[in-house]
N, C-alpha and C. Protein backbone atom coordinates (compact mmCIF):
# COMPACT_ATOMS: atom_id res chain seq x y z
N MET A 1 85.51 100.57 301.94
CA MET A 1 84.37 101.47 301.71
C MET A 1 84.40 101.86 300.36
N GLU A 2 85.54 102.31 299.71
CA GLU A 2 85.52 102.63 298.33
C GLU A 2 85.01 101.53 297.33
N HIS A 3 85.42 100.21 297.79
CA HIS A 3 84.88 99.13 296.94
C HIS A 3 83.44 99.05 296.93
N LEU A 4 82.66 99.45 297.82
CA LEU A 4 81.28 99.53 297.91
C LEU A 4 80.64 100.48 297.02
N ALA A 5 81.51 101.61 296.89
CA ALA A 5 80.86 102.75 295.93
C ALA A 5 81.09 102.23 294.44
N PHE A 6 82.09 101.41 294.10
CA PHE A 6 82.15 100.79 292.86
C PHE A 6 80.92 99.99 292.53
N GLU A 7 80.55 99.14 293.58
CA GLU A 7 79.50 98.18 293.40
C GLU A 7 78.08 98.81 293.12
N ARG A 8 77.98 99.97 293.89
CA ARG A 8 76.70 100.71 293.82
C ARG A 8 76.57 101.48 292.44
N ALA A 9 77.66 101.85 291.79
CA ALA A 9 77.61 102.72 290.67
C ALA A 9 76.72 102.17 289.65
N THR A 10 75.94 102.96 289.02
CA THR A 10 75.11 102.43 287.87
C THR A 10 75.91 102.87 286.50
N VAL A 11 76.05 101.91 285.63
CA VAL A 11 76.79 102.27 284.49
C VAL A 11 76.03 101.86 283.26
N SER A 12 76.23 102.67 282.22
CA SER A 12 75.66 102.39 280.90
C SER A 12 76.52 101.14 280.29
N PRO A 13 76.03 100.60 279.13
CA PRO A 13 76.84 99.51 278.71
C PRO A 13 78.43 99.65 278.57
N ASP A 14 78.69 100.91 278.03
CA ASP A 14 80.19 101.24 278.00
C ASP A 14 80.63 102.12 279.05
N GLY A 15 79.58 102.81 279.73
CA GLY A 15 79.92 103.72 280.73
C GLY A 15 80.27 105.19 280.43
N ILE A 16 80.46 105.37 279.05
CA ILE A 16 80.90 106.66 278.58
C ILE A 16 79.78 107.56 278.60
N ALA A 17 78.52 107.22 278.55
CA ALA A 17 77.37 108.12 278.66
C ALA A 17 77.22 108.71 280.03
N GLU A 18 77.89 108.17 280.92
CA GLU A 18 77.85 108.66 282.39
C GLU A 18 78.74 109.74 282.64
N LEU A 19 79.78 109.95 281.79
CA LEU A 19 80.68 110.87 282.03
C LEU A 19 80.27 112.38 281.72
N THR A 20 80.81 113.22 282.51
CA THR A 20 80.67 114.72 282.20
C THR A 20 81.46 115.24 280.95
N ARG A 21 81.20 116.36 280.61
CA ARG A 21 82.03 116.92 279.39
C ARG A 21 83.50 116.91 279.75
N ARG A 22 83.81 117.44 280.93
CA ARG A 22 85.19 117.51 281.45
C ARG A 22 85.83 116.22 281.53
N GLU A 23 85.08 115.19 282.07
CA GLU A 23 85.67 113.79 282.16
C GLU A 23 85.87 113.28 280.71
N ARG A 24 84.99 113.54 279.84
CA ARG A 24 85.23 113.10 278.32
C ARG A 24 86.55 113.84 277.84
N GLU A 25 86.69 114.98 278.22
CA GLU A 25 87.93 115.67 277.75
C GLU A 25 89.15 114.95 278.27
N VAL A 26 89.07 114.80 279.56
CA VAL A 26 90.22 114.07 280.21
C VAL A 26 90.41 112.71 279.79
N LEU A 27 89.40 111.98 279.48
CA LEU A 27 89.49 110.54 279.08
C LEU A 27 90.02 110.49 277.51
N GLY A 28 89.66 111.62 276.74
CA GLY A 28 90.03 111.75 275.41
C GLY A 28 91.58 111.91 275.25
N LEU A 29 92.10 112.71 276.22
CA LEU A 29 93.54 112.92 276.30
C LEU A 29 94.21 111.74 276.73
N VAL A 30 93.68 111.02 277.77
CA VAL A 30 94.24 109.70 278.09
C VAL A 30 94.43 108.75 277.09
N ALA A 31 93.27 108.62 276.24
CA ALA A 31 93.29 107.81 275.10
C ALA A 31 94.26 108.10 274.05
N THR A 32 94.76 109.39 273.90
CA THR A 32 95.64 109.65 272.90
C THR A 32 97.14 109.47 273.34
N GLY A 33 97.19 108.97 274.69
CA GLY A 33 98.53 108.81 275.31
C GLY A 33 99.20 109.92 275.97
N CYS A 34 98.51 110.88 276.27
CA CYS A 34 98.91 112.02 277.11
C CYS A 34 99.37 111.55 278.57
N SER A 35 100.32 112.02 279.11
CA SER A 35 100.74 111.81 280.44
C SER A 35 99.89 112.77 281.34
N ASN A 36 100.03 112.47 282.65
CA ASN A 36 99.11 113.22 283.66
C ASN A 36 99.71 114.78 283.48
N ASP A 37 100.99 114.90 283.40
CA ASP A 37 101.46 116.24 283.30
C ASP A 37 101.05 117.02 282.14
N GLU A 38 100.98 116.24 280.93
CA GLU A 38 100.43 116.87 279.65
C GLU A 38 98.95 117.24 279.84
N ILE A 39 98.18 116.40 280.42
CA ILE A 39 96.80 116.71 280.67
C ILE A 39 96.64 117.88 281.57
N CYS A 40 97.30 117.87 282.59
CA CYS A 40 97.21 119.05 283.45
C CYS A 40 97.52 120.40 282.76
N GLN A 41 98.59 120.26 281.90
CA GLN A 41 99.08 121.56 281.16
C GLN A 41 97.96 121.90 280.20
N ARG A 42 97.57 120.99 279.45
CA ARG A 42 96.46 121.33 278.38
C ARG A 42 95.31 121.71 278.88
N LEU A 43 94.89 121.32 280.08
CA LEU A 43 93.58 121.58 280.59
C LEU A 43 93.59 122.75 281.71
N TRP A 44 94.80 123.12 282.08
CA TRP A 44 95.04 124.07 283.18
C TRP A 44 94.30 123.68 284.39
N ILE A 45 94.75 122.36 284.79
CA ILE A 45 94.16 121.90 286.08
C ILE A 45 95.27 121.47 286.94
N SER A 46 95.20 121.14 288.17
CA SER A 46 96.11 120.72 289.07
C SER A 46 96.14 119.14 289.02
N ALA A 47 97.29 118.58 289.42
CA ALA A 47 97.33 117.12 289.51
C ALA A 47 96.32 116.50 290.42
N LYS A 48 95.79 117.29 291.50
CA LYS A 48 94.84 116.81 292.41
C LYS A 48 93.42 116.76 291.66
N THR A 49 93.30 117.82 290.85
CA THR A 49 92.09 117.77 290.14
C THR A 49 92.01 116.68 289.22
N LEU A 50 93.15 116.46 288.45
CA LEU A 50 93.17 115.37 287.55
C LEU A 50 92.78 114.02 288.31
N GLU A 51 93.47 113.81 289.40
CA GLU A 51 93.25 112.52 290.17
C GLU A 51 91.73 112.52 290.44
N HIS A 52 91.08 113.59 290.80
CA HIS A 52 89.63 113.46 291.06
C HIS A 52 88.95 113.06 289.89
N HIS A 53 89.25 113.72 288.75
CA HIS A 53 88.57 113.41 287.34
C HIS A 53 88.78 111.86 287.13
N MET A 54 89.99 111.30 287.28
CA MET A 54 90.20 110.06 286.93
C MET A 54 89.52 109.02 287.85
N HIS A 55 89.51 109.46 289.16
CA HIS A 55 88.71 108.58 290.13
C HIS A 55 87.09 108.51 289.73
N ARG A 56 86.51 109.68 289.31
CA ARG A 56 85.18 109.69 288.85
C ARG A 56 84.94 108.86 287.59
N ILE A 57 85.88 108.99 286.64
CA ILE A 57 85.90 108.19 285.51
C ILE A 57 85.82 106.67 285.69
N TYR A 58 86.84 106.20 286.52
CA TYR A 58 86.95 104.96 286.90
C TYR A 58 85.59 104.40 287.52
N LEU A 59 84.95 105.24 288.42
CA LEU A 59 83.90 104.90 289.09
C LEU A 59 82.72 104.59 288.14
N LYS A 60 82.60 105.63 287.21
CA LYS A 60 81.39 105.67 286.30
C LYS A 60 81.64 104.63 285.18
N LEU A 61 82.83 104.19 285.07
CA LEU A 61 83.04 102.93 283.93
C LEU A 61 83.14 101.65 284.78
N GLY A 62 82.97 101.65 286.05
CA GLY A 62 82.66 100.31 286.78
C GLY A 62 84.22 99.70 286.94
N LEU A 63 85.24 100.60 286.93
CA LEU A 63 86.58 99.99 287.02
C LEU A 63 87.11 100.10 288.40
N ALA A 64 86.93 99.10 289.15
CA ALA A 64 87.50 98.92 290.51
C ALA A 64 89.02 98.81 290.55
N PRO A 65 89.65 99.10 291.56
CA PRO A 65 91.16 98.94 291.65
C PRO A 65 91.38 97.49 291.42
N SER A 66 92.46 97.08 290.77
CA SER A 66 92.76 95.69 290.46
C SER A 66 94.28 95.68 290.26
N ARG A 67 94.90 94.53 290.78
CA ARG A 67 96.22 94.22 290.58
C ARG A 67 96.43 93.59 289.19
N SER A 68 95.52 93.12 288.51
CA SER A 68 95.78 92.29 287.26
C SER A 68 95.11 93.19 286.07
N VAL A 69 94.40 94.34 286.31
CA VAL A 69 93.92 95.00 285.20
C VAL A 69 94.29 96.49 285.40
N HIS A 70 94.92 97.14 284.34
CA HIS A 70 95.39 98.50 284.41
C HIS A 70 94.23 99.42 283.90
N ARG A 71 93.55 100.05 284.92
CA ARG A 71 92.34 100.78 284.71
C ARG A 71 92.46 101.86 283.63
N ARG A 72 93.58 102.47 283.56
CA ARG A 72 93.79 103.56 282.60
C ARG A 72 93.70 103.11 281.21
N VAL A 73 94.30 101.83 280.94
CA VAL A 73 94.32 101.30 279.47
C VAL A 73 92.77 100.92 279.29
N VAL A 74 92.16 100.27 280.29
CA VAL A 74 90.77 99.85 279.92
C VAL A 74 89.97 100.92 279.59
N ALA A 75 90.02 102.03 280.40
CA ALA A 75 89.24 103.21 280.10
C ALA A 75 89.59 103.95 278.78
N ALA A 76 90.80 103.88 278.45
CA ALA A 76 91.18 104.41 277.10
C ALA A 76 90.67 103.44 276.02
N ARG A 77 90.85 102.30 276.17
CA ARG A 77 90.18 101.38 275.07
C ARG A 77 88.68 101.49 274.94
N ARG A 78 87.96 101.86 276.02
CA ARG A 78 86.56 101.95 275.93
C ARG A 78 86.29 103.20 275.28
N TRP A 79 86.99 104.26 275.52
CA TRP A 79 86.89 105.54 274.84
C TRP A 79 87.10 105.35 273.42
N ALA A 80 88.09 104.75 273.02
CA ALA A 80 88.44 104.59 271.57
C ALA A 80 87.36 103.81 270.92
N ALA A 81 86.73 102.71 271.51
CA ALA A 81 85.82 101.98 270.82
C ALA A 81 84.35 102.82 270.85
N HIS A 82 84.18 103.55 271.77
CA HIS A 82 82.99 104.52 271.75
C HIS A 82 83.14 105.45 270.67
N GLU A 83 84.30 106.00 270.51
CA GLU A 83 84.50 107.05 269.47
C GLU A 83 84.32 106.47 268.03
N ALA A 84 84.73 105.34 267.98
CA ALA A 84 84.76 104.54 266.69
C ALA A 84 83.23 104.35 266.23
N ILE A 85 82.47 104.05 267.15
CA ILE A 85 80.99 103.87 267.03
C ILE A 85 80.26 105.08 266.72
N ALA A 86 80.69 106.13 267.47
CA ALA A 86 80.02 107.57 267.33
C ALA A 86 80.18 108.15 266.03
């Protein structure tokens, strides 16, 4: 069922434009190498809330679960590429 949600998601070329301000904050911290605990402490959010943000980020970036691709790394690289262009 979740796989279908990934297929239906509309994404921009890099997906970053689809993210909310908070999702961009989270992804920016991920891209700088922060751990989940560090992100939760810096943003004053729970681990469950962070999980929700990461799920939404992956969905909007079109990153379905995969055994061969580490979605967190791909998302961070897209963020870094987007920031280099911006």
